[in-house]
């Protein structure tokens, strides 16, 4: 039977980290393919067992430690085999970038070998994580590592604040009002946002709403899609269905049925 564990970060890291998750696919489990829908977290992943097939739009991912930014288009699938063992850190949409001082736009819709980006400090971290099988101990090791990064983290600029605000509002924001809050014109704000994140503010807000709707259903399966559509500001249920098909190539019910555990419980439980 497969094992999935997840946990929230300590208070000091919550401005940067959303959750930790651990997956172990036992030798008796069947091979499974899961769609990975658009999501806005930056994700750092460590592989310790059999390598899963991560089929991203830019090509397959084969590295033991990889970092991916926000994915605003349907990126692909993950195929899980018996013996897969993974530990992941789900950062806030700008969390990794602030802690490691790398622009958000460098990672949007991309996945990289994290070792080649950060260097041997991540290799040492991977070794320490691999020396224990305890999820709680792995969380403690990662938090010790990340807490050392906090004093040197980049302060939030106007775009980082806008990213965080859109995400926290689940996309229910007016882009023109965001521009007004920064005392700049709409076109200038849109240009700066795209330069800073790699996508337009409207697309970022659209994915934030989509992700919130998915997480709400995962957190409370008994909720109707009609209720979720109203909660997150879709005009009606058909509007939501069309948006899901455009973003994930699937219906709301079909996507949730097929995506398995790619959204661990600690991520979805806080969704209203």
Protein backbone atom coordinates (compact mmCIF):
# COMPACT_ATOMS: atom_id res chain seq x y z
CA UNK A 1 0.00 0.00 0.00
CA UNK A 2 1.36 3.45 -0.93
CA UNK A 3 2.26 5.89 1.85
CA UNK A 4 1.60 9.63 1.75
CA UNK A 5 2.52 12.02 4.56
CA UNK A 6 2.35 15.82 4.60
CA UNK A 7 2.89 18.62 7.10
CA UNK A 8 2.81 22.39 7.43
CA UNK A 9 6.03 24.36 8.00
CA UNK A 10 7.04 26.10 11.21
CA UNK A 11 5.77 29.65 11.70
CA UNK A 12 9.08 31.28 10.74
CA UNK A 13 9.02 29.59 7.32
CA UNK A 14 5.35 30.09 6.41
CA UNK A 15 6.02 33.28 4.42
CA UNK A 16 8.15 31.07 2.14
CA UNK A 17 6.91 27.46 2.45
CA UNK A 18 3.38 26.05 2.13
CA UNK A 19 3.88 22.37 2.94
CA UNK A 20 6.10 19.30 2.94
CA UNK A 21 5.07 15.97 1.46
CA UNK A 22 6.47 12.43 1.36
CA UNK A 23 5.38 9.65 -0.98
CA UNK A 24 6.49 6.01 -0.93
CA UNK A 25 5.26 3.57 -3.55
CA UNK A 26 5.59 0.06 -2.17
CA UNK A 27 6.91 -2.91 -4.16
CA UNK A 28 3.41 -4.38 -4.26
CA UNK A 29 1.80 -1.22 -5.66
CA UNK A 30 0.83 -0.97 -9.29
CA UNK A 31 2.38 1.47 -11.73
CA UNK A 32 0.20 4.58 -11.88
CA UNK A 33 0.10 7.63 -14.11
CA UNK A 34 -1.16 10.91 -12.63
CA UNK A 35 -1.80 14.18 -14.49
CA UNK A 36 -0.03 17.17 -12.98
CA UNK A 37 -2.37 20.15 -13.44
CA UNK A 38 -1.35 23.81 -13.43
CA UNK A 39 -0.26 25.01 -9.98
CA UNK A 40 1.48 28.09 -8.65
CA UNK A 41 3.78 26.73 -5.92
CA UNK A 42 7.49 26.48 -6.56
CA UNK A 43 8.35 22.84 -5.77
CA UNK A 44 11.69 21.32 -4.71
CA UNK A 45 11.68 17.54 -5.08
CA UNK A 46 14.11 14.89 -3.76
CA UNK A 47 14.08 11.35 -5.17
CA UNK A 48 15.51 8.48 -3.08
CA UNK A 49 14.22 5.27 -4.68
CA UNK A 50 13.17 4.19 -8.15
CA UNK A 51 12.93 7.25 -10.37
CA UNK A 52 9.40 8.20 -11.43
CA UNK A 53 8.81 9.36 -14.98
CA UNK A 54 8.16 13.10 -14.81
CA UNK A 55 6.88 14.01 -18.24
CA UNK A 56 6.99 17.78 -18.51
CA UNK A 57 6.16 19.87 -21.56
CA UNK A 58 9.87 20.76 -21.88
CA UNK A 59 10.81 17.06 -21.84
CA UNK A 60 11.39 14.23 -19.33
CA UNK A 61 12.97 14.99 -15.94
CA UNK A 62 15.68 12.56 -14.85
CA UNK A 63 17.53 14.32 -12.00
CA UNK A 64 17.41 13.21 -8.36
CA UNK A 65 16.86 16.78 -7.09
CA UNK A 66 14.73 19.10 -9.19
CA UNK A 67 13.10 22.49 -8.80
CA UNK A 68 10.04 23.61 -10.70
CA UNK A 69 8.37 26.99 -10.72
CA UNK A 70 4.72 27.91 -11.19
CA UNK A 71 3.15 25.86 -13.98
CA UNK A 72 0.45 27.90 -15.69
CA UNK A 73 -0.10 25.53 -18.62
CA UNK A 74 -0.82 21.81 -18.51
CA UNK A 75 2.70 20.49 -17.93
CA UNK A 76 2.26 16.74 -18.29
CA UNK A 77 2.09 13.59 -16.22
CA UNK A 78 3.94 11.73 -13.49
CA UNK A 79 4.27 7.96 -13.76
CA UNK A 80 4.86 6.20 -10.43
CA UNK A 81 6.54 2.79 -10.23
CA UNK A 82 6.94 0.31 -7.35
CA UNK A 83 9.87 1.55 -5.24
CA UNK A 84 9.39 5.29 -5.86
CA UNK A 85 10.24 7.35 -2.76
CA UNK A 86 9.99 11.14 -2.92
CA UNK A 87 10.15 14.09 -0.54
CA UNK A 88 8.91 17.49 -1.72
CA UNK A 89 8.91 21.04 -0.43
CA UNK A 90 5.99 23.12 -1.74
CA UNK A 91 7.06 26.76 -1.55
CA UNK A 92 4.84 29.80 -1.73
CA UNK A 93 4.65 31.10 -5.35
CA UNK A 94 7.61 33.42 -4.64
CA UNK A 95 9.07 31.49 -1.69
CA UNK A 96 11.96 29.69 -3.34
CA UNK A 97 12.90 32.80 -5.30
CA UNK A 98 13.03 34.96 -2.16
CA UNK A 99 15.06 32.46 -0.12
CA UNK A 100 17.56 31.67 -2.87
CA UNK A 101 17.56 35.12 -4.48
CA UNK A 102 16.62 33.93 -7.98
CA UNK A 103 13.91 35.76 -10.00
CA UNK A 104 10.50 34.07 -10.19
CA UNK A 105 10.49 34.28 -13.99
CA UNK A 106 13.55 32.00 -14.23
CA UNK A 107 11.45 29.02 -13.10
CA UNK A 108 7.93 29.68 -14.39
CA UNK A 109 6.74 26.80 -16.58
CA UNK A 110 10.17 25.16 -16.25
CA UNK A 111 11.83 22.37 -14.27
CA UNK A 112 15.58 22.33 -13.59
CA UNK A 113 18.18 20.09 -12.01
CA UNK A 114 18.33 21.85 -8.62
CA UNK A 115 21.90 20.73 -8.02
CA UNK A 116 23.05 22.63 -11.12
CA UNK A 117 21.19 25.74 -9.90
CA UNK A 118 22.21 25.81 -6.23
CA UNK A 119 25.24 23.53 -6.06
CA UNK A 120 26.62 21.00 -3.62
CA UNK A 121 24.72 22.33 -0.60
CA UNK A 122 21.64 20.60 -2.05
CA UNK A 123 23.65 17.45 -2.65
CA UNK A 124 24.63 17.43 1.01
CA UNK A 125 21.00 17.99 1.98
CA UNK A 126 19.90 15.07 -0.23
CA UNK A 127 22.45 12.83 1.49
CA UNK A 128 21.22 13.84 4.96
CA UNK A 129 17.60 13.24 3.99
CA UNK A 130 18.48 9.84 2.55
CA UNK A 131 20.08 8.73 5.83
CA UNK A 132 16.71 8.63 7.60
CA UNK A 133 13.36 7.09 6.72
CA UNK A 134 11.42 9.24 9.19
CA UNK A 135 9.16 11.86 7.60
CA UNK A 136 9.28 13.99 10.75
CA UNK A 137 13.08 13.87 10.81
CA UNK A 138 13.28 14.82 7.13
CA UNK A 139 11.04 17.81 7.78
CA UNK A 140 13.32 18.87 10.66
CA UNK A 141 16.43 18.53 8.47
CA UNK A 142 14.91 20.60 5.65
CA UNK A 143 13.66 23.28 8.05
CA UNK A 144 17.09 23.57 9.65
CA UNK A 145 18.52 24.14 6.15
CA UNK A 146 15.85 26.65 5.08
CA UNK A 147 15.90 28.63 8.32
CA UNK A 148 19.55 29.45 7.67
CA UNK A 149 18.42 31.09 4.40
CA UNK A 150 15.83 33.39 5.99
CA UNK A 151 18.21 36.18 7.18
CA UNK A 152 19.52 36.61 3.62
CA UNK A 153 16.16 36.34 1.87
CA UNK A 154 15.20 38.99 -0.67
CA UNK A 155 12.71 41.52 0.65
CA UNK A 156 9.35 41.48 -1.12
CA UNK A 157 9.16 43.99 -3.96
CA UNK A 158 5.98 45.28 -5.58
CA UNK A 159 5.64 42.31 -7.94
CA UNK A 160 6.30 39.73 -5.23
CA UNK A 161 3.64 41.39 -3.10
CA UNK A 162 1.21 41.32 -6.03
CA UNK A 163 1.95 37.62 -6.63
CA UNK A 164 1.28 36.82 -2.98
CA UNK A 165 -1.90 38.90 -2.89
CA UNK A 166 -3.37 37.29 -6.03
CA UNK A 167 -2.58 33.84 -4.71
CA UNK A 168 -4.06 34.50 -1.28
CA UNK A 169 -7.22 35.91 -2.89
CA UNK A 170 -7.54 32.79 -5.10
CA UNK A 171 -7.44 34.99 -8.18
CA UNK A 172 -10.47 37.08 -7.17
CA UNK A 173 -8.73 40.40 -7.79
CA UNK A 174 -8.96 43.28 -10.21
CA UNK A 175 -5.74 43.75 -12.15
CA UNK A 176 -6.54 47.42 -12.70
CA UNK A 177 -6.92 47.92 -8.94
CA UNK A 178 -3.59 46.23 -8.34
CA UNK A 179 -2.04 48.73 -10.73
CA UNK A 180 -3.75 51.60 -8.91
CA UNK A 181 -2.38 50.36 -5.58
CA UNK A 182 1.10 50.65 -7.03
CA UNK A 183 0.31 54.09 -8.51
CA UNK A 184 1.20 53.04 -12.05
CA UNK A 185 -0.77 52.54 -15.24
CA UNK A 186 -2.40 49.23 -16.13
CA UNK A 187 -0.12 48.49 -19.09
CA UNK A 188 3.00 49.32 -17.11
CA UNK A 189 1.87 47.05 -14.26
CA UNK A 190 1.09 44.20 -16.68
CA UNK A 191 4.51 44.60 -18.30
CA UNK A 192 6.33 44.61 -14.96
CA UNK A 193 4.36 41.62 -13.72
CA UNK A 194 5.13 39.61 -16.86
CA UNK A 195 8.82 40.55 -16.65
CA UNK A 196 8.95 39.56 -12.98
CA UNK A 197 6.97 36.31 -13.15
CA UNK A 198 7.01 35.13 -16.75
CA UNK A 199 3.23 35.29 -17.15
CA UNK A 200 0.52 37.95 -17.26
CA UNK A 201 -1.35 38.88 -14.07
CA UNK A 202 -4.61 37.69 -15.64
CA UNK A 203 -3.17 34.25 -16.34
CA UNK A 204 -1.69 34.06 -12.85
CA UNK A 205 -5.08 34.96 -11.33
CA UNK A 206 -6.85 32.45 -13.58
CA UNK A 207 -4.59 29.61 -12.41
CA UNK A 208 -4.94 30.74 -8.78
CA UNK A 209 -8.72 30.38 -9.06
CA UNK A 210 -8.46 27.03 -10.86
CA UNK A 211 -6.04 25.69 -8.23
CA UNK A 212 -8.26 26.88 -5.37
CA UNK A 213 -11.27 25.15 -6.93
CA UNK A 214 -9.36 21.88 -7.30
CA UNK A 215 -8.06 22.04 -3.73
CA UNK A 216 -11.51 22.83 -2.34
CA UNK A 217 -12.92 19.66 -3.93
CA UNK A 218 -10.00 17.55 -2.73
CA UNK A 219 -10.37 18.90 0.81
CA UNK A 220 -14.13 18.26 0.94
CA UNK A 221 -15.22 15.74 -1.73
CA UNK A 222 -18.86 16.10 -0.67
CA UNK A 223 -18.98 19.71 -1.93
CA UNK A 224 -20.79 20.16 -5.20
CA UNK A 225 -19.03 21.68 -8.18
CA UNK A 226 -21.83 24.25 -8.36
CA UNK A 227 -21.01 25.42 -4.84
CA UNK A 228 -17.31 25.59 -5.67
CA UNK A 229 -18.01 27.54 -8.87
CA UNK A 230 -19.97 30.14 -6.89
CA UNK A 231 -17.38 30.29 -4.10
CA UNK A 232 -14.53 31.13 -6.44
CA UNK A 233 -16.29 33.58 -8.70
CA UNK A 234 -17.01 31.63 -11.87
CA UNK A 235 -20.04 32.99 -13.74
CA UNK A 236 -21.66 29.57 -13.61
CA UNK A 237 -20.73 25.90 -13.57
CA UNK A 238 -20.25 25.74 -17.35
CA UNK A 239 -17.80 28.64 -17.16
CA UNK A 240 -15.78 26.59 -14.65
CA UNK A 241 -15.96 23.47 -16.85
CA UNK A 242 -14.65 25.40 -19.86
CA UNK A 243 -11.81 26.85 -17.78
CA UNK A 244 -10.83 23.41 -16.49
CA UNK A 245 -10.79 21.99 -20.01
CA UNK A 246 -8.62 24.86 -21.24
CA UNK A 247 -6.15 24.59 -18.35
CA UNK A 248 -6.05 20.83 -17.71
CA UNK A 249 -7.59 19.22 -20.82
CA UNK A 250 -10.15 17.58 -18.55
CA UNK A 251 -13.46 18.16 -16.81
CA UNK A 252 -13.45 19.05 -13.09
CA UNK A 253 -14.66 15.60 -12.02
CA UNK A 254 -12.38 13.81 -14.47
CA UNK A 255 -9.31 15.71 -13.34
CA UNK A 256 -9.89 15.11 -9.62
CA UNK A 257 -10.53 11.43 -10.29
CA UNK A 258 -7.27 10.99 -12.21
CA UNK A 259 -4.79 13.23 -10.38
CA UNK A 260 -4.28 11.00 -7.36
CA UNK A 261 -2.00 12.41 -4.65
CA UNK A 262 -0.22 15.20 -6.53
CA UNK A 263 -1.89 17.72 -4.16
CA UNK A 264 -1.07 16.44 -0.63
CA UNK A 265 -3.51 17.07 2.24
CA UNK A 266 -1.46 19.78 3.97
CA UNK A 267 -1.79 21.90 0.82
CA UNK A 268 -5.52 21.60 0.34
CA UNK A 269 -6.89 21.67 3.89
CA UNK A 270 -6.70 25.47 4.21
CA UNK A 271 -8.81 26.16 1.12
CA UNK A 272 -12.18 27.80 2.00
